Amino acid sequence: MDPQWDDSLPIYRQLRDRVVAMILEGVLKEGDALPSVRNVAADFRLNPLTVLKGYQQLVDEQLVEKRRGLGMFVSSGARKALMKDERQRFLEEEWPKVYATIQRLGLTQEELQRVGAAAPAAWPRAGPAPGEEDDSSN
């Protein structure tokens, strides 16, 4: 995790968002343990209550589960649920802004496809993420 914090959001929320990004990117997989509250607090010089509050949001969202005496672990199905939620959020909140910019700049589909074709190999492909089933038929 990046130790830099942004002043625009509370730190506990940024911590939560970083764990979510790690799950989406596959850095943390289902069943993986989250770093302990104490370790994160010490590594980033945070109040342990701040770390706990960020982790508790993940528990409340059922992305992480507490195991008494063992710590916190990424829940089964967390990545799939996050992908669904993030895709929906993108389509509802971000895409209209992107589309408006495309229209405002008069970009054509051909220009966008050309730029997309020249994108790095790491450019995400359409469809389910690696290791996920395509449930579009459900």
N, C-alpha and C. Protein backbone atom coordinates (compact mmCIF):
# COMPACT_ATOMS: atom_id res chain seq x y z
N MET A 1 0.83 -1.19 0.00
CA MET A 1 0.00 0.00 0.00
C MET A 1 0.88 1.25 0.00
N ASP A 2 0.37 2.25 -0.65
CA ASP A 2 1.07 3.53 -0.74
C ASP A 2 0.88 4.30 0.57
N PRO A 3 1.96 4.76 1.20
CA PRO A 3 1.83 5.45 2.47
C PRO A 3 1.38 6.90 2.37
N GLN A 4 1.10 7.39 1.17
CA GLN A 4 0.66 8.78 1.00
C GLN A 4 -0.85 8.86 1.18
N TRP A 5 -1.29 9.86 1.93
CA TRP A 5 -2.71 10.03 2.18
C TRP A 5 -3.18 11.34 1.55
N ASP A 6 -4.39 11.31 1.04
CA ASP A 6 -5.01 12.45 0.39
C ASP A 6 -5.88 13.18 1.41
N ASP A 7 -5.84 14.50 1.41
CA ASP A 7 -6.62 15.28 2.37
C ASP A 7 -8.11 15.34 2.03
N SER A 8 -8.50 14.84 0.85
CA SER A 8 -9.89 14.98 0.43
C SER A 8 -10.84 13.97 1.06
N LEU A 9 -10.30 12.88 1.59
CA LEU A 9 -11.12 11.82 2.20
C LEU A 9 -10.54 11.44 3.55
N PRO A 10 -11.39 10.98 4.47
CA PRO A 10 -10.85 10.48 5.74
C PRO A 10 -9.89 9.30 5.48
N ILE A 11 -8.87 9.18 6.32
CA ILE A 11 -7.86 8.14 6.12
C ILE A 11 -8.47 6.75 6.20
N TYR A 12 -9.43 6.52 7.11
CA TYR A 12 -10.03 5.19 7.20
C TYR A 12 -10.70 4.80 5.90
N ARG A 13 -11.29 5.77 5.21
CA ARG A 13 -11.95 5.50 3.93
C ARG A 13 -10.90 5.20 2.84
N GLN A 14 -9.79 5.94 2.86
CA GLN A 14 -8.72 5.69 1.90
C GLN A 14 -8.12 4.31 2.12
N LEU A 15 -7.97 3.92 3.38
CA LEU A 15 -7.46 2.59 3.70
C LEU A 15 -8.41 1.53 3.17
N ARG A 16 -9.69 1.72 3.39
CA ARG A 16 -10.71 0.79 2.87
C ARG A 16 -10.61 0.70 1.35
N ASP A 17 -10.50 1.85 0.70
CA ASP A 17 -10.42 1.87 -0.76
C ASP A 17 -9.17 1.17 -1.28
N ARG A 18 -8.07 1.28 -0.54
CA ARG A 18 -6.83 0.61 -0.96
C ARG A 18 -6.96 -0.90 -0.84
N VAL A 19 -7.61 -1.36 0.21
CA VAL A 19 -7.83 -2.81 0.34
C VAL A 19 -8.74 -3.29 -0.78
N VAL A 20 -9.78 -2.52 -1.10
CA VAL A 20 -10.67 -2.87 -2.21
C VAL A 20 -9.88 -2.96 -3.51
N ALA A 21 -9.00 -1.99 -3.76
CA ALA A 21 -8.19 -2.02 -4.98
C ALA A 21 -7.29 -3.26 -5.00
N MET A 22 -6.74 -3.62 -3.86
CA MET A 22 -5.89 -4.81 -3.80
C MET A 22 -6.68 -6.08 -4.09
N ILE A 23 -7.93 -6.12 -3.66
CA ILE A 23 -8.79 -7.28 -3.97
C ILE A 23 -9.11 -7.29 -5.46
N LEU A 24 -9.48 -6.14 -6.02
CA LEU A 24 -9.82 -6.07 -7.44
C LEU A 24 -8.63 -6.43 -8.33
N GLU A 25 -7.43 -6.01 -7.92
CA GLU A 25 -6.22 -6.27 -8.70
C GLU A 25 -5.68 -7.68 -8.48
N GLY A 26 -6.26 -8.42 -7.55
CA GLY A 26 -5.80 -9.78 -7.29
C GLY A 26 -4.61 -9.88 -6.36
N VAL A 27 -4.20 -8.76 -5.77
CA VAL A 27 -3.11 -8.78 -4.80
C VAL A 27 -3.56 -9.54 -3.56
N LEU A 28 -4.80 -9.27 -3.15
CA LEU A 28 -5.43 -10.03 -2.07
C LEU A 28 -6.50 -10.91 -2.69
N LYS A 29 -6.42 -12.20 -2.42
CA LYS A 29 -7.37 -13.16 -2.97
C LYS A 29 -8.30 -13.67 -1.87
N GLU A 30 -9.38 -14.31 -2.27
CA GLU A 30 -10.31 -14.88 -1.31
C GLU A 30 -9.57 -15.78 -0.33
N GLY A 31 -9.83 -15.58 0.94
CA GLY A 31 -9.19 -16.38 1.98
C GLY A 31 -7.88 -15.82 2.48
N ASP A 32 -7.31 -14.83 1.78
CA ASP A 32 -6.06 -14.21 2.23
C ASP A 32 -6.31 -13.37 3.48
N ALA A 33 -5.32 -13.37 4.36
CA ALA A 33 -5.40 -12.55 5.56
C ALA A 33 -5.04 -11.11 5.22
N LEU A 34 -5.74 -10.18 5.84
CA LEU A 34 -5.36 -8.77 5.74
C LEU A 34 -4.21 -8.54 6.73
N PRO A 35 -3.35 -7.59 6.44
CA PRO A 35 -2.32 -7.25 7.42
C PRO A 35 -3.00 -6.87 8.74
N SER A 36 -2.37 -7.20 9.85
CA SER A 36 -2.98 -6.91 11.15
C SER A 36 -3.15 -5.42 11.35
N VAL A 37 -4.13 -5.08 12.17
CA VAL A 37 -4.40 -3.68 12.51
C VAL A 37 -3.14 -3.05 13.09
N ARG A 38 -2.48 -3.77 13.98
CA ARG A 38 -1.26 -3.24 14.62
C ARG A 38 -0.17 -2.98 13.59
N ASN A 39 0.04 -3.92 12.67
CA ASN A 39 1.09 -3.74 11.66
C ASN A 39 0.80 -2.55 10.75
N VAL A 40 -0.44 -2.44 10.28
CA VAL A 40 -0.80 -1.33 9.40
C VAL A 40 -0.64 -0.01 10.16
N ALA A 41 -1.11 0.03 11.40
CA ALA A 41 -1.00 1.24 12.20
C ALA A 41 0.47 1.64 12.38
N ALA A 42 1.31 0.67 12.68
CA ALA A 42 2.74 0.96 12.88
C ALA A 42 3.41 1.35 11.57
N ASP A 43 3.14 0.61 10.49
CA ASP A 43 3.79 0.87 9.20
C ASP A 43 3.44 2.25 8.65
N PHE A 44 2.21 2.70 8.86
CA PHE A 44 1.76 3.96 8.28
C PHE A 44 1.57 5.06 9.32
N ARG A 45 2.00 4.77 10.54
CA ARG A 45 1.90 5.74 11.64
C ARG A 45 0.48 6.27 11.79
N LEU A 46 -0.44 5.33 11.88
CA LEU A 46 -1.85 5.65 12.05
C LEU A 46 -2.32 5.21 13.43
N ASN A 47 -3.37 5.82 13.88
CA ASN A 47 -4.02 5.36 15.10
C ASN A 47 -4.66 4.00 14.79
N PRO A 48 -4.46 3.00 15.63
CA PRO A 48 -5.08 1.69 15.38
C PRO A 48 -6.59 1.77 15.22
N LEU A 49 -7.24 2.72 15.87
CA LEU A 49 -8.69 2.87 15.72
C LEU A 49 -9.07 3.31 14.31
N THR A 50 -8.20 4.08 13.67
CA THR A 50 -8.43 4.49 12.28
C THR A 50 -8.38 3.27 11.37
N VAL A 51 -7.38 2.43 11.57
CA VAL A 51 -7.25 1.21 10.78
C VAL A 51 -8.45 0.30 11.02
N LEU A 52 -8.81 0.14 12.28
CA LEU A 52 -9.94 -0.71 12.62
C LEU A 52 -11.23 -0.21 11.98
N LYS A 53 -11.41 1.10 11.93
CA LYS A 53 -12.62 1.67 11.32
C LYS A 53 -12.66 1.36 9.82
N GLY A 54 -11.51 1.47 9.13
CA GLY A 54 -11.45 1.12 7.72
C GLY A 54 -11.74 -0.35 7.48
N TYR A 55 -11.15 -1.19 8.31
CA TYR A 55 -11.38 -2.64 8.21
C TYR A 55 -12.85 -2.98 8.52
N GLN A 56 -13.41 -2.28 9.51
CA GLN A 56 -14.80 -2.55 9.88
C GLN A 56 -15.75 -2.24 8.74
N GLN A 57 -15.45 -1.23 7.94
CA GLN A 57 -16.28 -0.95 6.76
C GLN A 57 -16.28 -2.14 5.82
N LEU A 58 -15.11 -2.75 5.65
CA LEU A 58 -15.01 -3.92 4.78
C LEU A 58 -15.81 -5.09 5.34
N VAL A 59 -15.80 -5.24 6.67
CA VAL A 59 -16.60 -6.28 7.31
C VAL A 59 -18.08 -5.99 7.10
N ASP A 60 -18.48 -4.74 7.31
CA ASP A 60 -19.88 -4.35 7.14
C ASP A 60 -20.37 -4.59 5.72
N GLU A 61 -19.46 -4.45 4.76
CA GLU A 61 -19.81 -4.67 3.35
C GLU A 61 -19.68 -6.15 2.97
N GLN A 62 -19.32 -6.99 3.93
CA GLN A 62 -19.16 -8.44 3.75
C GLN A 62 -18.07 -8.79 2.74
N LEU A 63 -17.07 -7.90 2.64
CA LEU A 63 -15.92 -8.16 1.78
C LEU A 63 -14.82 -8.86 2.56
N VAL A 64 -14.87 -8.68 3.87
CA VAL A 64 -13.87 -9.23 4.78
C VAL A 64 -14.61 -9.87 5.95
N GLU A 65 -14.06 -10.96 6.46
CA GLU A 65 -14.67 -11.60 7.62
C GLU A 65 -13.66 -11.67 8.76
N LYS A 66 -14.18 -11.47 9.97
CA LYS A 66 -13.35 -11.57 11.17
C LYS A 66 -13.32 -13.03 11.60
N ARG A 67 -12.15 -13.49 11.96
CA ARG A 67 -12.00 -14.83 12.54
C ARG A 67 -11.37 -14.64 13.91
N ARG A 68 -12.15 -14.87 14.92
CA ARG A 68 -11.74 -14.61 16.30
C ARG A 68 -10.38 -15.24 16.59
N GLY A 69 -9.46 -14.41 17.03
CA GLY A 69 -8.13 -14.88 17.39
C GLY A 69 -7.18 -15.06 16.22
N LEU A 70 -7.69 -14.94 15.00
CA LEU A 70 -6.87 -15.16 13.80
C LEU A 70 -6.66 -13.90 12.98
N GLY A 71 -7.65 -13.01 12.98
CA GLY A 71 -7.54 -11.79 12.19
C GLY A 71 -8.69 -11.64 11.21
N MET A 72 -8.43 -10.90 10.15
CA MET A 72 -9.45 -10.62 9.14
C MET A 72 -8.99 -11.20 7.81
N PHE A 73 -9.95 -11.75 7.07
CA PHE A 73 -9.66 -12.45 5.83
C PHE A 73 -10.62 -12.01 4.74
N VAL A 74 -10.14 -12.02 3.50
CA VAL A 74 -10.98 -11.67 2.36
C VAL A 74 -12.07 -12.74 2.23
N SER A 75 -13.30 -12.29 2.16
CA SER A 75 -14.44 -13.20 2.09
C SER A 75 -14.54 -13.88 0.73
N SER A 76 -15.15 -15.02 0.73
CA SER A 76 -15.43 -15.74 -0.50
C SER A 76 -16.40 -14.90 -1.33
N GLY A 77 -16.11 -14.72 -2.60
CA GLY A 77 -16.96 -13.95 -3.50
C GLY A 77 -16.75 -12.44 -3.44
N ALA A 78 -15.77 -11.99 -2.65
CA ALA A 78 -15.54 -10.55 -2.50
C ALA A 78 -15.19 -9.89 -3.82
N ARG A 79 -14.27 -10.49 -4.57
CA ARG A 79 -13.83 -9.88 -5.83
C ARG A 79 -14.97 -9.80 -6.83
N LYS A 80 -15.73 -10.86 -6.91
CA LYS A 80 -16.85 -10.89 -7.86
C LYS A 80 -17.88 -9.81 -7.50
N ALA A 81 -18.18 -9.68 -6.22
CA ALA A 81 -19.13 -8.66 -5.77
C ALA A 81 -18.58 -7.26 -6.05
N LEU A 82 -17.30 -7.07 -5.79
CA LEU A 82 -16.69 -5.76 -6.04
C LEU A 82 -16.70 -5.42 -7.53
N MET A 83 -16.39 -6.40 -8.36
CA MET A 83 -16.38 -6.16 -9.81
C MET A 83 -17.77 -5.72 -10.27
N LYS A 84 -18.78 -6.40 -9.79
CA LYS A 84 -20.15 -6.06 -10.18
C LYS A 84 -20.48 -4.63 -9.73
N ASP A 85 -20.17 -4.33 -8.47
CA ASP A 85 -20.48 -3.00 -7.93
C ASP A 85 -19.67 -1.91 -8.63
N GLU A 86 -18.39 -2.16 -8.86
CA GLU A 86 -17.53 -1.16 -9.49
C GLU A 86 -17.93 -0.92 -10.95
N ARG A 87 -18.28 -1.98 -11.65
CA ARG A 87 -18.74 -1.81 -13.03
C ARG A 87 -20.01 -0.98 -13.08
N GLN A 88 -20.95 -1.28 -12.18
CA GLN A 88 -22.21 -0.54 -12.14
C GLN A 88 -21.95 0.92 -11.80
N ARG A 89 -21.08 1.17 -10.81
CA ARG A 89 -20.74 2.53 -10.42
C ARG A 89 -20.11 3.28 -11.59
N PHE A 90 -19.21 2.61 -12.31
CA PHE A 90 -18.57 3.25 -13.46
C PHE A 90 -19.61 3.64 -14.51
N LEU A 91 -20.50 2.70 -14.83
CA LEU A 91 -21.50 2.97 -15.86
C LEU A 91 -22.46 4.08 -15.45
N GLU A 92 -22.78 4.17 -14.16
CA GLU A 92 -23.74 5.18 -13.71
C GLU A 92 -23.09 6.53 -13.41
N GLU A 93 -21.84 6.52 -12.90
CA GLU A 93 -21.24 7.77 -12.45
C GLU A 93 -20.13 8.29 -13.37
N GLU A 94 -19.25 7.42 -13.80
CA GLU A 94 -18.08 7.85 -14.56
C GLU A 94 -18.34 7.91 -16.07
N TRP A 95 -19.00 6.88 -16.60
CA TRP A 95 -19.19 6.82 -18.04
C TRP A 95 -19.92 8.04 -18.59
N PRO A 96 -20.99 8.54 -17.96
CA PRO A 96 -21.64 9.74 -18.50
C PRO A 96 -20.67 10.92 -18.64
N LYS A 97 -19.75 11.06 -17.69
CA LYS A 97 -18.76 12.14 -17.78
C LYS A 97 -17.79 11.90 -18.94
N VAL A 98 -17.33 10.66 -19.07
CA VAL A 98 -16.42 10.31 -20.16
C VAL A 98 -17.12 10.52 -21.50
N TYR A 99 -18.35 10.03 -21.60
CA TYR A 99 -19.10 10.17 -22.84
C TYR A 99 -19.32 11.64 -23.20
N ALA A 100 -19.64 12.46 -22.19
CA ALA A 100 -19.83 13.89 -22.43
C ALA A 100 -18.54 14.52 -22.95
N THR A 101 -17.40 14.11 -22.40
CA THR A 101 -16.11 14.64 -22.86
C THR A 101 -15.84 14.22 -24.30
N ILE A 102 -16.13 12.97 -24.61
CA ILE A 102 -15.95 12.47 -25.99
C ILE A 102 -16.80 13.31 -26.95
N GLN A 103 -18.04 13.55 -26.58
CA GLN A 103 -18.93 14.35 -27.42
C GLN A 103 -18.43 15.78 -27.55
N ARG A 104 -18.02 16.36 -26.44
CA ARG A 104 -17.56 17.76 -26.43
C ARG A 104 -16.33 17.94 -27.31
N LEU A 105 -15.44 16.93 -27.32
CA LEU A 105 -14.22 17.01 -28.12
C LEU A 105 -14.41 16.53 -29.55
N GLY A 106 -15.57 15.99 -29.84
CA GLY A 106 -15.86 15.53 -31.19
C GLY A 106 -15.03 14.33 -31.61
N LEU A 107 -14.65 13.50 -30.64
CA LEU A 107 -13.86 12.31 -30.97
C LEU A 107 -14.73 11.29 -31.69
N THR A 108 -14.14 10.63 -32.68
CA THR A 108 -14.88 9.63 -33.44
C THR A 108 -14.58 8.24 -32.88
N GLN A 109 -15.45 7.32 -33.22
CA GLN A 109 -15.26 5.93 -32.79
C GLN A 109 -13.94 5.39 -33.34
N GLU A 110 -13.60 5.77 -34.56
CA GLU A 110 -12.35 5.30 -35.17
C GLU A 110 -11.13 5.81 -34.40
N GLU A 111 -11.17 7.07 -33.97
CA GLU A 111 -10.06 7.62 -33.18
C GLU A 111 -9.92 6.87 -31.86
N LEU A 112 -11.03 6.62 -31.22
CA LEU A 112 -11.00 5.92 -29.93
C LEU A 112 -10.50 4.49 -30.11
N GLN A 113 -10.94 3.82 -31.16
CA GLN A 113 -10.48 2.45 -31.42
C GLN A 113 -8.99 2.41 -31.74
N ARG A 114 -8.52 3.41 -32.47
CA ARG A 114 -7.10 3.47 -32.81
C ARG A 114 -6.26 3.63 -31.53
N VAL A 115 -6.67 4.50 -30.66
CA VAL A 115 -5.97 4.69 -29.39
C VAL A 115 -6.06 3.42 -28.55
N GLY A 116 -7.22 2.81 -28.54
CA GLY A 116 -7.40 1.56 -27.79
C GLY A 116 -6.52 0.45 -28.33
N ALA A 117 -6.36 0.37 -29.65
CA ALA A 117 -5.53 -0.67 -30.26
C ALA A 117 -4.06 -0.45 -29.94
N ALA A 118 -3.67 0.81 -29.70
CA ALA A 118 -2.28 1.12 -29.41
C ALA A 118 -1.97 1.04 -27.91
N ALA A 119 -2.99 0.74 -27.12
CA ALA A 119 -2.80 0.68 -25.66
C ALA A 119 -1.88 -0.48 -25.30
N PRO A 120 -1.23 -0.40 -24.15
CA PRO A 120 -0.33 -1.46 -23.72
C PRO A 120 -1.05 -2.81 -23.61
N ALA A 121 -0.28 -3.87 -23.59
CA ALA A 121 -0.84 -5.22 -23.51
C ALA A 121 -1.62 -5.41 -22.21
N ALA A 122 -1.35 -4.61 -21.21
CA ALA A 122 -2.03 -4.73 -19.93
C ALA A 122 -3.44 -4.14 -19.97
N TRP A 123 -3.81 -3.54 -21.12
CA TRP A 123 -5.14 -2.97 -21.25
C TRP A 123 -6.18 -4.05 -20.97
N PRO A 124 -7.16 -3.78 -20.14
CA PRO A 124 -8.13 -4.81 -19.79
C PRO A 124 -8.97 -5.22 -20.99
N ARG A 125 -9.28 -6.49 -21.04
CA ARG A 125 -10.12 -6.99 -22.12
C ARG A 125 -11.57 -7.00 -21.66
N ALA A 126 -12.47 -7.09 -22.60
CA ALA A 126 -13.88 -7.17 -22.25
C ALA A 126 -14.18 -8.55 -21.67
N GLY A 127 -15.24 -8.63 -20.90
CA GLY A 127 -15.65 -9.91 -20.35
C GLY A 127 -15.20 -10.08 -18.92
N PRO A 128 -15.38 -11.30 -18.40
CA PRO A 128 -15.05 -11.54 -17.00
C PRO A 128 -13.55 -11.45 -16.75
N ALA A 129 -13.21 -11.10 -15.55
CA ALA A 129 -11.81 -11.02 -15.16
C ALA A 129 -11.21 -12.41 -15.12
N PRO A 130 -9.88 -12.54 -15.25
CA PRO A 130 -9.25 -13.83 -15.19
C PRO A 130 -9.66 -14.59 -13.93
N GLY A 131 -10.00 -15.86 -14.11
CA GLY A 131 -10.38 -16.69 -12.99
C GLY A 131 -11.85 -16.56 -12.61
N GLU A 132 -12.60 -15.75 -13.36
CA GLU A 132 -14.02 -15.59 -13.08
C GLU A 132 -14.84 -16.21 -14.19
N GLU A 133 -16.02 -16.68 -13.81
CA GLU A 133 -16.92 -17.22 -14.81
C GLU A 133 -17.75 -16.08 -15.41
N ASP A 134 -18.12 -16.26 -16.65
CA ASP A 134 -18.99 -15.28 -17.29
C ASP A 134 -20.41 -15.59 -16.88
N ASP A 135 -20.99 -14.74 -16.03
CA ASP A 135 -22.35 -14.99 -15.57
C ASP A 135 -23.33 -14.05 -16.25
N SER A 136 -22.99 -13.56 -17.44
CA SER A 136 -23.88 -12.66 -18.16
C SER A 136 -25.14 -13.38 -18.64
N SER A 137 -25.10 -14.72 -18.66
CA SER A 137 -26.25 -15.47 -19.10
C SER A 137 -27.24 -15.70 -17.96
N ASN A 138 -26.87 -15.29 -16.76
CA ASN A 138 -27.77 -15.48 -15.60
C ASN A 138 -28.79 -14.40 -15.51
